[in-house]
Amino acid sequence: MSQGVDHVAAGLVACLPVLNRYVKQSIDRQLPYPKLPDRQLTLLQYVAEHDGATVHEAAAALRMMPNNVSALVTRLTEAGLLERHQDDTDKRVAHLCVTAKARQRIGEVQNIAAAQLASALRTLTDGDRDALGSALGALEALTRRLRDHSA
């Protein structure tokens, strides 16, 4: 059993970065505006999924220093992609929200990535597509496990 686990782990380590790189390259080629730096994009995606998060919550979740996240928030706010909303009870705390412009851009990126993957999936056999579809739940569970154990 452990050889099977080791084999699957090695296969994922080999395939996932390459898959990610090709999808990112496709996104970069098709976006009509400059791509955000990875750290800004990561923060933006986190806030889109955790509306109202604070700088400290985002820093902890992304394993970054709060002052670095604060600097990223400033850049994204200046770009019109994030908004800060002051906490009602503690004026020192700001809650972060993505703007409509950011939601549109995140959607564009997701659409480009999905189209790229769909195009590649159409070239596979029905059996390969079925196998990948069946693996989605397991990949999501693996992602959650890695996220939970990296905190």
Protein backbone atom coordinates (compact mmCIF):
# COMPACT_ATOMS: atom_id res chain seq x y z
CA MET A 1 0.00 0.00 0.00
CA SER A 2 2.79 2.48 0.86
CA GLN A 3 4.40 2.01 -2.57
CA GLY A 4 1.03 2.91 -4.09
CA VAL A 5 0.85 6.04 -1.93
CA ASP A 6 4.44 6.95 -2.79
CA HIS A 7 3.76 6.40 -6.49
CA VAL A 8 0.64 8.62 -6.41
CA ALA A 9 2.47 11.30 -4.43
CA ALA A 10 5.39 11.31 -6.89
CA GLY A 11 2.97 11.48 -9.83
CA LEU A 12 1.13 14.44 -8.33
CA VAL A 13 4.41 16.22 -7.54
CA ALA A 14 5.45 15.76 -11.17
CA CYS A 15 2.15 16.67 -12.83
CA LEU A 16 0.56 19.44 -10.77
CA PRO A 17 3.28 22.11 -11.17
CA VAL A 18 3.39 21.53 -14.93
CA LEU A 19 -0.40 21.70 -15.17
CA ASN A 20 -0.41 24.89 -13.11
CA ARG A 21 2.36 26.46 -15.22
CA TYR A 22 0.51 25.81 -18.51
CA VAL A 23 -2.74 27.21 -17.14
CA LYS A 24 -0.94 30.33 -15.82
CA GLN A 25 0.79 30.85 -19.17
CA SER A 26 -2.54 30.64 -20.95
CA ILE A 27 -4.04 33.19 -18.56
CA ASP A 28 -1.07 35.54 -19.00
CA ARG A 29 -1.39 35.41 -22.82
CA GLN A 30 -5.12 36.05 -22.86
CA LEU A 31 -5.61 38.73 -20.21
CA PRO A 32 -6.15 42.20 -21.69
CA TYR A 33 -4.26 43.82 -18.80
CA PRO A 34 -1.05 43.07 -16.88
CA LYS A 35 -1.23 40.09 -14.55
CA LEU A 36 -1.08 40.87 -10.86
CA PRO A 37 1.98 39.67 -8.95
CA ASP A 38 1.32 36.24 -7.39
CA ARG A 39 1.17 37.52 -3.81
CA GLN A 40 -1.39 40.20 -4.72
CA LEU A 41 -3.46 37.67 -6.64
CA THR A 42 -3.30 35.21 -3.74
CA LEU A 43 -4.51 37.87 -1.29
CA LEU A 44 -7.26 38.97 -3.66
CA GLN A 45 -8.49 35.39 -4.09
CA TYR A 46 -8.42 34.85 -0.32
CA VAL A 47 -10.49 37.98 0.33
CA ALA A 48 -12.92 37.03 -2.44
CA GLU A 49 -13.50 33.73 -0.61
CA HIS A 50 -13.47 35.29 2.89
CA ASP A 51 -15.37 38.55 2.52
CA GLY A 52 -14.76 40.86 5.47
CA ALA A 53 -11.51 39.21 6.56
CA THR A 54 -9.03 41.38 8.44
CA VAL A 55 -5.38 41.89 7.55
CA HIS A 56 -4.37 39.66 10.48
CA GLU A 57 -6.76 36.89 9.44
CA ALA A 58 -5.48 37.02 5.86
CA ALA A 59 -1.86 37.05 7.03
CA ALA A 60 -2.40 34.01 9.24
CA ALA A 61 -4.28 32.08 6.55
CA LEU A 62 -1.71 32.91 3.86
CA ARG A 63 1.26 32.44 6.21
CA MET A 64 2.53 35.95 5.57
CA MET A 65 3.63 38.76 7.85
CA PRO A 66 0.80 41.21 8.66
CA ASN A 67 2.91 44.20 7.56
CA ASN A 68 3.47 42.53 4.16
CA VAL A 69 -0.26 41.87 3.78
CA SER A 70 -0.95 45.46 4.78
CA ALA A 71 1.37 46.69 2.01
CA LEU A 72 -0.39 44.41 -0.49
CA VAL A 73 -3.77 45.73 0.70
CA THR A 74 -2.56 49.29 0.07
CA ARG A 75 -1.50 48.43 -3.50
CA LEU A 76 -4.72 46.56 -4.25
CA THR A 77 -6.81 49.38 -2.76
CA GLU A 78 -4.98 51.94 -4.90
CA ALA A 79 -5.65 49.73 -7.95
CA GLY A 80 -9.38 49.71 -7.16
CA LEU A 81 -9.45 45.98 -6.44
CA LEU A 82 -9.91 45.97 -2.65
CA GLU A 83 -11.82 48.10 -0.19
CA ARG A 84 -11.23 48.57 3.51
CA HIS A 85 -14.23 48.92 5.79
CA GLN A 86 -13.61 50.11 9.35
CA ASP A 87 -14.82 47.80 12.12
CA ASP A 88 -17.84 49.17 14.00
CA THR A 89 -16.42 48.45 17.45
CA ASP A 90 -12.64 48.73 16.97
CA LYS A 91 -11.67 51.56 14.63
CA ARG A 92 -8.11 50.16 14.32
CA VAL A 93 -9.42 47.08 12.54
CA ALA A 94 -10.34 47.10 8.86
CA HIS A 95 -12.39 44.45 7.09
CA LEU A 96 -11.40 43.72 3.51
CA CYS A 97 -13.76 43.31 0.57
CA VAL A 98 -13.06 42.83 -3.11
CA THR A 99 -14.54 45.38 -5.50
CA ALA A 100 -16.79 44.63 -8.46
CA LYS A 101 -13.75 45.25 -10.69
CA ALA A 102 -11.82 42.57 -8.78
CA ARG A 103 -14.70 40.09 -8.97
CA GLN A 104 -14.87 40.65 -12.73
CA ARG A 105 -11.13 40.05 -13.10
CA ILE A 106 -11.19 36.94 -10.92
CA GLY A 107 -14.06 35.65 -13.06
CA GLU A 108 -12.11 36.37 -16.25
CA VAL A 109 -9.11 34.46 -14.95
CA GLN A 110 -11.27 31.51 -13.92
CA ASN A 111 -13.02 31.49 -17.32
CA ILE A 112 -9.70 31.50 -19.20
CA ALA A 113 -8.34 28.69 -17.04
CA ALA A 114 -11.53 26.63 -17.37
CA ALA A 115 -11.58 27.11 -21.16
CA GLN A 116 -7.93 26.05 -21.42
CA LEU A 117 -8.52 22.93 -19.35
CA ALA A 118 -11.79 22.10 -21.16
CA SER A 119 -10.00 22.34 -24.49
CA ALA A 120 -7.30 19.93 -23.30
CA LEU A 121 -9.86 17.59 -21.70
CA ARG A 122 -11.73 17.31 -25.01
CA THR A 123 -8.60 15.74 -26.54
CA LEU A 124 -8.54 12.92 -23.95
CA THR A 125 -10.37 9.64 -24.17
CA ASP A 126 -13.73 9.26 -22.44
CA GLY A 127 -12.06 6.94 -19.94
CA ASP A 128 -9.37 9.50 -19.04
CA ARG A 129 -12.00 12.25 -18.65
CA ASP A 130 -14.12 9.96 -16.46
CA ALA A 131 -11.08 9.08 -14.33
CA LEU A 132 -10.23 12.75 -13.83
CA GLY A 133 -13.85 13.56 -12.99
CA SER A 134 -13.92 10.74 -10.47
CA ALA A 135 -10.70 12.02 -8.89
CA LEU A 136 -12.03 15.56 -8.27
CA GLY A 137 -13.53 14.74 -4.88
CA ALA A 138 -10.33 13.06 -3.75
CA LEU A 139 -8.22 16.00 -4.97
CA GLU A 140 -10.46 18.43 -3.08
CA ALA A 141 -10.12 16.31 0.07
CA LEU A 142 -6.33 16.20 -0.40
CA THR A 143 -6.26 19.99 -0.80
CA ARG A 144 -8.27 20.46 2.41
CA ARG A 145 -5.99 18.05 4.28
CA LEU A 146 -2.85 19.87 3.14
CA ARG A 147 -4.37 23.24 4.04
CA ASP A 148 -5.48 22.04 7.48
CA HIS A 149 -2.12 20.47 8.30
CA SER A 150 -0.03 23.39 7.07
CA ALA A 151 -1.55 25.85 9.53
